[in-house]
Amino acid sequence: MHPSTTHRIQSLTVSSSTTHPTHFLLSDSLSNSNVFKIVIIGFGNYGQFLAKTLVSQGHAVLAHSRSDHHNETAKKLGVSFYADPHDLCEEHPEIILLCTSIISTKQVLKSLPLQRLKRNTLFVDVLSVKE
């Protein structure tokens, strides 16, 4: 995207002692609200860390993972867990964070019903290289 057409509308900052802060650049279409509906796909350790941070910032966080044993953890963190990706996409999130291993990213993306999302949904991949 050309720099003149990108605006820093809202900064969602996620940091820990071992990483640099992560900032998301959001388009004008997301500027109407300070609270975002954010989906985390891959609810392992890093996905849970992001969820806890984003919930503490006041965002609505939803999660999906291959295994549904994360449901109780999600509840404790104030996160809505969706076992079915179709139901998750029907929630029309503004942002989707892919927190999956790099080797499963293609399979995960193919499993998502992308046609159910809004056209301006922002996808962010955290680029996990674990196997």
N, C-alpha and C. Protein backbone atom coordinates (compact mmCIF):
# COMPACT_ATOMS: atom_id res chain seq x y z
N MET A 1 0.85 -1.17 0.00
CA MET A 1 0.00 0.00 0.00
C MET A 1 0.90 1.23 0.00
N HIS A 2 0.56 2.21 -0.78
CA HIS A 2 1.32 3.44 -0.88
C HIS A 2 1.24 4.20 0.45
N PRO A 3 2.38 4.71 0.97
CA PRO A 3 2.37 5.38 2.28
C PRO A 3 1.37 6.52 2.40
N SER A 4 1.07 7.21 1.32
CA SER A 4 0.15 8.34 1.42
C SER A 4 -1.30 7.89 1.61
N THR A 5 -1.60 6.62 1.35
CA THR A 5 -2.96 6.14 1.53
C THR A 5 -3.14 5.34 2.82
N THR A 6 -2.09 5.22 3.61
CA THR A 6 -2.17 4.50 4.88
C THR A 6 -2.15 5.50 6.02
N HIS A 7 -3.05 5.32 6.97
CA HIS A 7 -3.14 6.22 8.11
C HIS A 7 -3.08 5.42 9.40
N ARG A 8 -2.41 5.93 10.39
CA ARG A 8 -2.43 5.26 11.70
C ARG A 8 -3.68 5.75 12.40
N ILE A 9 -4.73 4.92 12.34
CA ILE A 9 -6.03 5.27 12.91
C ILE A 9 -6.07 4.87 14.38
N GLN A 10 -5.63 3.67 14.66
CA GLN A 10 -5.68 3.13 16.02
C GLN A 10 -4.49 2.22 16.17
N SER A 11 -3.82 2.27 17.28
CA SER A 11 -2.69 1.39 17.52
C SER A 11 -3.06 0.39 18.60
N LEU A 12 -3.03 -0.87 18.26
CA LEU A 12 -3.23 -1.94 19.23
C LEU A 12 -1.83 -2.42 19.57
N THR A 13 -1.38 -2.23 20.79
CA THR A 13 -0.02 -2.57 21.14
C THR A 13 0.00 -3.83 21.99
N VAL A 14 0.80 -4.78 21.57
CA VAL A 14 0.97 -6.02 22.30
C VAL A 14 2.46 -6.19 22.51
N SER A 15 2.90 -6.28 23.76
CA SER A 15 4.33 -6.43 24.00
C SER A 15 4.56 -7.37 25.17
N SER A 16 5.75 -7.94 25.19
CA SER A 16 6.18 -8.75 26.33
C SER A 16 7.66 -8.48 26.51
N SER A 17 8.25 -9.04 27.53
CA SER A 17 9.66 -8.77 27.80
C SER A 17 10.58 -9.35 26.73
N THR A 18 10.08 -10.28 25.91
CA THR A 18 10.93 -10.93 24.92
C THR A 18 10.68 -10.47 23.49
N THR A 19 9.71 -9.58 23.29
CA THR A 19 9.42 -9.15 21.93
C THR A 19 9.32 -7.64 21.86
N HIS A 20 9.44 -7.12 20.67
CA HIS A 20 9.22 -5.71 20.45
C HIS A 20 7.73 -5.46 20.34
N PRO A 21 7.26 -4.25 20.64
CA PRO A 21 5.83 -3.98 20.49
C PRO A 21 5.36 -4.25 19.06
N THR A 22 4.17 -4.74 18.95
CA THR A 22 3.56 -5.00 17.66
C THR A 22 2.47 -3.96 17.44
N HIS A 23 2.49 -3.28 16.31
CA HIS A 23 1.48 -2.27 16.01
C HIS A 23 0.74 -2.69 14.77
N PHE A 24 -0.56 -2.50 14.76
CA PHE A 24 -1.38 -2.80 13.62
C PHE A 24 -1.77 -1.50 12.95
N LEU A 25 -1.60 -1.42 11.64
CA LEU A 25 -2.08 -0.27 10.89
C LEU A 25 -3.46 -0.61 10.37
N LEU A 26 -4.42 0.23 10.69
CA LEU A 26 -5.80 -0.04 10.31
C LEU A 26 -6.27 0.98 9.29
N SER A 27 -7.15 0.54 8.39
CA SER A 27 -7.64 1.43 7.35
C SER A 27 -8.72 2.36 7.88
N ASP A 28 -9.06 3.38 7.08
CA ASP A 28 -10.10 4.34 7.46
C ASP A 28 -11.42 3.66 7.79
N SER A 29 -11.69 2.51 7.16
CA SER A 29 -12.98 1.86 7.39
C SER A 29 -13.13 1.34 8.81
N LEU A 30 -12.03 1.25 9.54
CA LEU A 30 -12.09 0.77 10.92
C LEU A 30 -12.01 1.89 11.94
N SER A 31 -12.03 3.13 11.50
CA SER A 31 -11.78 4.25 12.39
C SER A 31 -13.00 4.69 13.21
N ASN A 32 -14.16 4.09 12.99
CA ASN A 32 -15.37 4.52 13.66
C ASN A 32 -15.47 4.04 15.10
N SER A 33 -14.59 3.16 15.53
CA SER A 33 -14.71 2.58 16.85
C SER A 33 -13.34 2.42 17.48
N ASN A 34 -13.29 2.54 18.80
CA ASN A 34 -12.05 2.28 19.51
C ASN A 34 -11.98 0.85 20.01
N VAL A 35 -13.06 0.11 19.86
CA VAL A 35 -13.10 -1.28 20.27
C VAL A 35 -13.28 -2.12 19.02
N PHE A 36 -12.45 -3.15 18.88
CA PHE A 36 -12.51 -4.00 17.70
C PHE A 36 -12.91 -5.41 18.07
N LYS A 37 -13.56 -6.07 17.13
CA LYS A 37 -13.86 -7.49 17.26
C LYS A 37 -12.70 -8.22 16.59
N ILE A 38 -11.91 -8.92 17.41
CA ILE A 38 -10.68 -9.54 16.94
C ILE A 38 -10.76 -11.05 17.12
N VAL A 39 -10.49 -11.78 16.05
CA VAL A 39 -10.47 -13.23 16.09
C VAL A 39 -9.02 -13.69 16.18
N ILE A 40 -8.79 -14.65 17.06
CA ILE A 40 -7.49 -15.31 17.14
C ILE A 40 -7.68 -16.75 16.69
N ILE A 41 -6.99 -17.11 15.62
CA ILE A 41 -7.05 -18.48 15.12
C ILE A 41 -5.74 -19.15 15.49
N GLY A 42 -5.86 -20.16 16.34
CA GLY A 42 -4.69 -20.82 16.92
C GLY A 42 -4.58 -20.33 18.36
N PHE A 43 -5.16 -21.07 19.28
CA PHE A 43 -5.28 -20.60 20.65
C PHE A 43 -4.29 -21.32 21.58
N GLY A 44 -3.05 -21.44 21.09
CA GLY A 44 -1.98 -21.98 21.91
C GLY A 44 -1.44 -20.91 22.84
N ASN A 45 -0.21 -21.09 23.31
CA ASN A 45 0.37 -20.15 24.26
C ASN A 45 0.41 -18.71 23.75
N TYR A 46 0.87 -18.52 22.51
CA TYR A 46 0.98 -17.16 21.99
C TYR A 46 -0.41 -16.56 21.72
N GLY A 47 -1.31 -17.36 21.19
CA GLY A 47 -2.68 -16.89 20.96
C GLY A 47 -3.35 -16.48 22.26
N GLN A 48 -3.11 -17.24 23.32
CA GLN A 48 -3.67 -16.90 24.63
C GLN A 48 -3.04 -15.64 25.20
N PHE A 49 -1.74 -15.47 24.99
CA PHE A 49 -1.06 -14.25 25.43
C PHE A 49 -1.67 -13.02 24.73
N LEU A 50 -1.85 -13.13 23.41
CA LEU A 50 -2.46 -12.02 22.67
C LEU A 50 -3.87 -11.76 23.15
N ALA A 51 -4.64 -12.82 23.37
CA ALA A 51 -6.03 -12.68 23.83
C ALA A 51 -6.09 -11.94 25.16
N LYS A 52 -5.28 -12.35 26.10
CA LYS A 52 -5.27 -11.71 27.42
C LYS A 52 -4.96 -10.22 27.30
N THR A 53 -3.99 -9.89 26.49
CA THR A 53 -3.60 -8.50 26.29
C THR A 53 -4.70 -7.70 25.62
N LEU A 54 -5.28 -8.24 24.56
CA LEU A 54 -6.32 -7.53 23.82
C LEU A 54 -7.59 -7.36 24.64
N VAL A 55 -7.96 -8.38 25.42
CA VAL A 55 -9.13 -8.26 26.30
C VAL A 55 -8.89 -7.16 27.32
N SER A 56 -7.67 -7.09 27.87
CA SER A 56 -7.37 -6.05 28.86
C SER A 56 -7.43 -4.65 28.27
N GLN A 57 -7.28 -4.55 26.94
CA GLN A 57 -7.39 -3.26 26.26
C GLN A 57 -8.84 -2.94 25.89
N GLY A 58 -9.77 -3.85 26.20
CA GLY A 58 -11.18 -3.60 25.98
C GLY A 58 -11.74 -4.13 24.68
N HIS A 59 -10.96 -4.89 23.93
CA HIS A 59 -11.44 -5.41 22.65
C HIS A 59 -12.26 -6.68 22.86
N ALA A 60 -13.19 -6.93 21.94
CA ALA A 60 -13.96 -8.17 21.95
C ALA A 60 -13.12 -9.23 21.24
N VAL A 61 -12.76 -10.28 21.94
CA VAL A 61 -11.86 -11.29 21.38
C VAL A 61 -12.61 -12.62 21.24
N LEU A 62 -12.47 -13.22 20.07
CA LEU A 62 -13.05 -14.50 19.75
C LEU A 62 -11.92 -15.42 19.34
N ALA A 63 -12.05 -16.71 19.58
CA ALA A 63 -10.96 -17.63 19.27
C ALA A 63 -11.47 -18.89 18.59
N HIS A 64 -10.56 -19.51 17.84
CA HIS A 64 -10.82 -20.79 17.19
C HIS A 64 -9.51 -21.56 17.18
N SER A 65 -9.60 -22.86 17.38
CA SER A 65 -8.42 -23.71 17.36
C SER A 65 -8.84 -25.08 16.85
N ARG A 66 -7.86 -25.85 16.36
CA ARG A 66 -8.18 -27.20 15.86
C ARG A 66 -8.82 -28.07 16.94
N SER A 67 -8.33 -27.93 18.15
CA SER A 67 -8.89 -28.71 19.25
C SER A 67 -9.79 -27.82 20.09
N ASP A 68 -10.86 -28.38 20.58
CA ASP A 68 -11.81 -27.57 21.35
C ASP A 68 -11.56 -27.62 22.85
N HIS A 69 -10.42 -28.19 23.28
CA HIS A 69 -10.13 -28.24 24.71
C HIS A 69 -9.74 -26.87 25.27
N HIS A 70 -9.65 -25.88 24.43
CA HIS A 70 -9.31 -24.51 24.87
C HIS A 70 -10.53 -23.73 25.35
N ASN A 71 -11.70 -24.31 25.27
CA ASN A 71 -12.93 -23.60 25.61
C ASN A 71 -12.90 -23.06 27.04
N GLU A 72 -12.48 -23.85 27.99
CA GLU A 72 -12.43 -23.40 29.40
C GLU A 72 -11.40 -22.30 29.59
N THR A 73 -10.25 -22.44 28.96
CA THR A 73 -9.22 -21.40 29.04
C THR A 73 -9.75 -20.10 28.47
N ALA A 74 -10.44 -20.19 27.34
CA ALA A 74 -11.00 -18.99 26.71
C ALA A 74 -11.97 -18.29 27.66
N LYS A 75 -12.83 -19.06 28.30
CA LYS A 75 -13.80 -18.47 29.24
C LYS A 75 -13.09 -17.72 30.36
N LYS A 76 -12.04 -18.31 30.90
CA LYS A 76 -11.29 -17.68 31.99
C LYS A 76 -10.65 -16.36 31.56
N LEU A 77 -10.30 -16.26 30.28
CA LEU A 77 -9.67 -15.05 29.75
C LEU A 77 -10.68 -14.02 29.25
N GLY A 78 -11.97 -14.37 29.26
CA GLY A 78 -12.99 -13.46 28.74
C GLY A 78 -13.10 -13.49 27.23
N VAL A 79 -12.77 -14.63 26.65
CA VAL A 79 -12.76 -14.82 25.20
C VAL A 79 -13.89 -15.77 24.81
N SER A 80 -14.58 -15.47 23.72
CA SER A 80 -15.60 -16.38 23.18
C SER A 80 -14.92 -17.39 22.27
N PHE A 81 -15.09 -18.67 22.57
CA PHE A 81 -14.45 -19.73 21.78
C PHE A 81 -15.45 -20.33 20.81
N TYR A 82 -15.04 -20.50 19.56
CA TYR A 82 -15.88 -21.08 18.51
C TYR A 82 -15.20 -22.32 17.95
N ALA A 83 -15.82 -23.47 18.12
CA ALA A 83 -15.28 -24.70 17.56
C ALA A 83 -15.50 -24.76 16.05
N ASP A 84 -16.57 -24.13 15.57
CA ASP A 84 -16.94 -24.16 14.15
C ASP A 84 -16.49 -22.87 13.47
N PRO A 85 -15.59 -22.95 12.48
CA PRO A 85 -15.12 -21.74 11.80
C PRO A 85 -16.22 -20.98 11.05
N HIS A 86 -17.29 -21.69 10.65
CA HIS A 86 -18.40 -21.01 9.98
C HIS A 86 -19.11 -20.07 10.95
N ASP A 87 -19.37 -20.55 12.16
CA ASP A 87 -19.99 -19.70 13.17
C ASP A 87 -19.10 -18.53 13.52
N LEU A 88 -17.80 -18.77 13.60
CA LEU A 88 -16.84 -17.72 13.91
C LEU A 88 -16.87 -16.61 12.85
N CYS A 89 -16.83 -16.99 11.59
CA CYS A 89 -16.81 -15.99 10.51
C CYS A 89 -18.13 -15.24 10.41
N GLU A 90 -19.22 -15.86 10.84
CA GLU A 90 -20.52 -15.17 10.85
C GLU A 90 -20.55 -14.01 11.85
N GLU A 91 -19.58 -13.96 12.76
CA GLU A 91 -19.48 -12.87 13.73
C GLU A 91 -18.89 -11.60 13.09
N HIS A 92 -18.40 -11.69 11.88
CA HIS A 92 -17.88 -10.56 11.10
C HIS A 92 -16.85 -9.72 11.87
N PRO A 93 -15.71 -10.35 12.23
CA PRO A 93 -14.68 -9.60 12.93
C PRO A 93 -14.01 -8.57 12.02
N GLU A 94 -13.46 -7.53 12.63
CA GLU A 94 -12.70 -6.55 11.86
C GLU A 94 -11.28 -7.04 11.60
N ILE A 95 -10.74 -7.84 12.55
CA ILE A 95 -9.35 -8.29 12.47
C ILE A 95 -9.29 -9.78 12.77
N ILE A 96 -8.47 -10.50 12.00
CA ILE A 96 -8.20 -11.91 12.26
C ILE A 96 -6.70 -12.07 12.43
N LEU A 97 -6.29 -12.59 13.58
CA LEU A 97 -4.89 -12.86 13.86
C LEU A 97 -4.64 -14.35 13.68
N LEU A 98 -3.77 -14.71 12.73
CA LEU A 98 -3.42 -16.11 12.51
C LEU A 98 -2.24 -16.45 13.41
N CYS A 99 -2.49 -17.26 14.41
CA CYS A 99 -1.46 -17.65 15.38
C CYS A 99 -1.18 -19.14 15.27
N THR A 100 -1.09 -19.62 14.05
CA THR A 100 -0.87 -21.04 13.80
C THR A 100 0.59 -21.25 13.42
N SER A 101 1.02 -22.50 13.44
CA SER A 101 2.38 -22.79 12.98
C SER A 101 2.44 -22.56 11.47
N ILE A 102 3.61 -22.22 11.00
CA ILE A 102 3.77 -21.90 9.58
C ILE A 102 3.41 -23.10 8.69
N ILE A 103 3.66 -24.32 9.18
CA ILE A 103 3.37 -25.49 8.35
C ILE A 103 1.88 -25.79 8.25
N SER A 104 1.09 -25.24 9.15
CA SER A 104 -0.36 -25.49 9.08
C SER A 104 -1.15 -24.30 8.53
N THR A 105 -0.48 -23.20 8.21
CA THR A 105 -1.18 -21.99 7.77
C THR A 105 -2.03 -22.23 6.53
N LYS A 106 -1.49 -22.91 5.54
CA LYS A 106 -2.23 -23.15 4.30
C LYS A 106 -3.51 -23.96 4.58
N GLN A 107 -3.38 -25.02 5.38
CA GLN A 107 -4.53 -25.85 5.73
C GLN A 107 -5.58 -25.05 6.51
N VAL A 108 -5.13 -24.23 7.43
CA VAL A 108 -6.05 -23.42 8.23
C VAL A 108 -6.79 -22.43 7.35
N LEU A 109 -6.09 -21.75 6.47
CA LEU A 109 -6.74 -20.78 5.58
C LEU A 109 -7.76 -21.45 4.67
N LYS A 110 -7.44 -22.64 4.19
CA LYS A 110 -8.39 -23.36 3.33
C LYS A 110 -9.65 -23.78 4.10
N SER A 111 -9.52 -23.95 5.42
CA SER A 111 -10.66 -24.39 6.22
C SER A 111 -11.61 -23.26 6.59
N LEU A 112 -11.19 -22.02 6.37
CA LEU A 112 -12.02 -20.88 6.75
C LEU A 112 -13.00 -20.52 5.64
N PRO A 113 -14.25 -20.29 5.98
CA PRO A 113 -15.23 -19.85 4.98
C PRO A 113 -15.09 -18.34 4.75
N LEU A 114 -14.09 -17.97 3.98
CA LEU A 114 -13.76 -16.56 3.78
C LEU A 114 -14.91 -15.76 3.18
N GLN A 115 -15.79 -16.43 2.43
CA GLN A 115 -16.92 -15.74 1.82
C GLN A 115 -17.89 -15.20 2.86
N ARG A 116 -17.81 -15.66 4.09
CA ARG A 116 -18.70 -15.20 5.16
C ARG A 116 -18.18 -13.95 5.86
N LEU A 117 -16.96 -13.55 5.55
CA LEU A 117 -16.36 -12.37 6.19
C LEU A 117 -16.70 -11.10 5.43
N LYS A 118 -16.57 -9.97 6.10
CA LYS A 118 -16.70 -8.69 5.42
C LYS A 118 -15.48 -8.50 4.53
N ARG A 119 -15.66 -7.75 3.45
CA ARG A 119 -14.57 -7.56 2.49
C ARG A 119 -13.38 -6.83 3.08
N ASN A 120 -13.59 -6.00 4.09
CA ASN A 120 -12.49 -5.21 4.63
C ASN A 120 -11.85 -5.83 5.88
N THR A 121 -12.05 -7.13 6.10
CA THR A 121 -11.45 -7.81 7.24
C THR A 121 -9.94 -7.81 7.10
N LEU A 122 -9.25 -7.40 8.15
CA LEU A 122 -7.79 -7.35 8.16
C LEU A 122 -7.24 -8.67 8.67
N PHE A 123 -6.37 -9.32 7.90
CA PHE A 123 -5.69 -10.54 8.32
C PHE A 123 -4.28 -10.21 8.73
N VAL A 124 -3.85 -10.76 9.88
CA VAL A 124 -2.49 -10.57 10.36
C VAL A 124 -1.94 -11.94 10.70
N ASP A 125 -0.77 -12.28 10.17
CA ASP A 125 -0.12 -13.55 10.46
C ASP A 125 1.05 -13.28 11.39
N VAL A 126 1.13 -13.99 12.51
CA VAL A 126 2.24 -13.77 13.45
C VAL A 126 3.49 -14.54 13.05
N LEU A 127 3.41 -15.34 12.01
CA LEU A 127 4.55 -16.05 11.44
C LEU A 127 5.29 -16.95 12.43
N SER A 128 4.58 -17.85 13.03
CA SER A 128 5.19 -18.80 13.95
C SER A 128 5.91 -19.88 13.17
N VAL A 129 7.15 -20.14 13.51
CA VAL A 129 7.93 -21.15 12.79
C VAL A 129 8.00 -22.47 13.54
N LYS A 130 7.26 -22.59 14.63
CA LYS A 130 7.25 -23.88 15.34
C LYS A 130 6.55 -24.94 14.50
N GLU A 131 6.82 -26.19 14.80
CA GLU A 131 6.20 -27.27 14.03
C GLU A 131 5.10 -27.94 14.80
